Amino acid sequence: MSIIDQKWPEIKHRLEAWLGPSNFDANGQQKQSLREIAKK
């Protein structure tokens, strides 16, 4: 996978939201998939 410079800020934000602690419940289960986050 490659990412061009112009797209990086948008993609970085999505990846950080996906991997961030607020995207996991108390049991460590993911709340939203990367696909769901990307649709927002």
N, C-alpha and C. Protein backbone atom coordinates (compact mmCIF):
# COMPACT_ATOMS: atom_id res chain seq x y z
N MET A 1 0.85 -1.17 0.00
CA MET A 1 0.00 0.00 0.00
C MET A 1 0.89 1.23 0.00
N SER A 2 0.52 2.21 -0.75
CA SER A 2 1.26 3.47 -0.75
C SER A 2 0.28 4.62 -0.54
N ILE A 3 0.82 5.71 -0.04
CA ILE A 3 0.01 6.89 0.26
C ILE A 3 0.76 8.11 -0.27
N ILE A 4 0.06 8.96 -1.00
CA ILE A 4 0.71 10.18 -1.48
C ILE A 4 0.62 11.26 -0.40
N ASP A 5 1.55 12.19 -0.46
CA ASP A 5 1.65 13.24 0.56
C ASP A 5 0.35 14.00 0.79
N GLN A 6 -0.35 14.29 -0.28
CA GLN A 6 -1.57 15.09 -0.15
C GLN A 6 -2.67 14.36 0.62
N LYS A 7 -2.68 13.05 0.57
CA LYS A 7 -3.71 12.25 1.25
C LYS A 7 -3.33 11.89 2.68
N TRP A 8 -2.05 12.01 3.03
CA TRP A 8 -1.58 11.54 4.33
C TRP A 8 -2.32 12.16 5.52
N PRO A 9 -2.55 13.47 5.60
CA PRO A 9 -3.23 14.02 6.78
C PRO A 9 -4.59 13.37 7.04
N GLU A 10 -5.36 13.17 6.01
CA GLU A 10 -6.68 12.55 6.15
C GLU A 10 -6.56 11.09 6.60
N ILE A 11 -5.66 10.37 5.99
CA ILE A 11 -5.47 8.96 6.34
C ILE A 11 -4.89 8.82 7.74
N LYS A 12 -3.96 9.69 8.08
CA LYS A 12 -3.37 9.65 9.42
C LYS A 12 -4.45 9.84 10.49
N HIS A 13 -5.33 10.79 10.29
CA HIS A 13 -6.42 11.04 11.24
C HIS A 13 -7.28 9.78 11.41
N ARG A 14 -7.61 9.12 10.32
CA ARG A 14 -8.43 7.91 10.39
C ARG A 14 -7.71 6.78 11.11
N LEU A 15 -6.43 6.60 10.81
CA LEU A 15 -5.67 5.55 11.48
C LEU A 15 -5.54 5.81 12.97
N GLU A 16 -5.31 7.05 13.34
CA GLU A 16 -5.21 7.39 14.76
C GLU A 16 -6.53 7.15 15.48
N ALA A 17 -7.64 7.48 14.83
CA ALA A 17 -8.95 7.24 15.43
C ALA A 17 -9.21 5.73 15.57
N TRP A 18 -8.81 4.97 14.59
CA TRP A 18 -9.02 3.52 14.59
C TRP A 18 -8.19 2.84 15.67
N LEU A 19 -6.95 3.28 15.83
CA LEU A 19 -6.05 2.65 16.80
C LEU A 19 -6.09 3.29 18.18
N GLY A 20 -6.79 4.40 18.31
CA GLY A 20 -6.84 5.12 19.58
C GLY A 20 -7.57 4.36 20.67
N PRO A 21 -7.24 4.65 21.92
CA PRO A 21 -7.85 3.94 23.05
C PRO A 21 -9.37 4.10 23.12
N SER A 22 -9.90 5.18 22.61
CA SER A 22 -11.36 5.38 22.67
C SER A 22 -12.11 4.45 21.72
N ASN A 23 -11.40 3.78 20.81
CA ASN A 23 -12.04 2.85 19.89
C ASN A 23 -12.06 1.42 20.43
N PHE A 24 -11.70 1.23 21.69
CA PHE A 24 -11.70 -0.09 22.29
C PHE A 24 -12.51 -0.07 23.58
N ASP A 25 -13.24 -1.16 23.81
CA ASP A 25 -14.04 -1.24 25.04
C ASP A 25 -13.18 -1.78 26.19
N ALA A 26 -13.80 -1.98 27.33
CA ALA A 26 -13.08 -2.43 28.53
C ALA A 26 -12.44 -3.81 28.35
N ASN A 27 -12.97 -4.60 27.44
CA ASN A 27 -12.43 -5.94 27.17
C ASN A 27 -11.39 -5.94 26.06
N GLY A 28 -11.07 -4.77 25.53
CA GLY A 28 -10.10 -4.67 24.46
C GLY A 28 -10.66 -4.94 23.08
N GLN A 29 -11.98 -5.00 22.98
CA GLN A 29 -12.62 -5.24 21.68
C GLN A 29 -12.79 -3.92 20.93
N GLN A 30 -12.51 -3.99 19.65
CA GLN A 30 -12.64 -2.83 18.79
C GLN A 30 -14.11 -2.43 18.68
N LYS A 31 -14.39 -1.13 18.80
CA LYS A 31 -15.76 -0.63 18.68
C LYS A 31 -16.15 -0.39 17.23
N GLN A 32 -15.24 0.18 16.45
CA GLN A 32 -15.51 0.49 15.04
C GLN A 32 -14.36 -0.02 14.18
N SER A 33 -14.70 -0.51 13.01
CA SER A 33 -13.68 -0.94 12.06
C SER A 33 -13.10 0.28 11.36
N LEU A 34 -11.97 0.08 10.72
CA LEU A 34 -11.37 1.17 9.95
C LEU A 34 -12.32 1.61 8.84
N ARG A 35 -13.02 0.68 8.26
CA ARG A 35 -13.99 1.00 7.20
C ARG A 35 -15.10 1.91 7.74
N GLU A 36 -15.61 1.61 8.94
CA GLU A 36 -16.65 2.44 9.53
C GLU A 36 -16.14 3.85 9.82
N ILE A 37 -14.93 3.94 10.31
CA ILE A 37 -14.34 5.24 10.61
C ILE A 37 -14.11 6.03 9.33
N ALA A 38 -13.68 5.36 8.28
CA ALA A 38 -13.41 6.02 7.00
C ALA A 38 -14.67 6.59 6.36
N LYS A 39 -15.83 6.03 6.68
CA LYS A 39 -17.09 6.50 6.11
C LYS A 39 -17.55 7.82 6.71
N LYS A 40 -17.01 8.17 7.86
CA LYS A 40 -17.43 9.40 8.55
C LYS A 40 -16.86 10.63 7.89
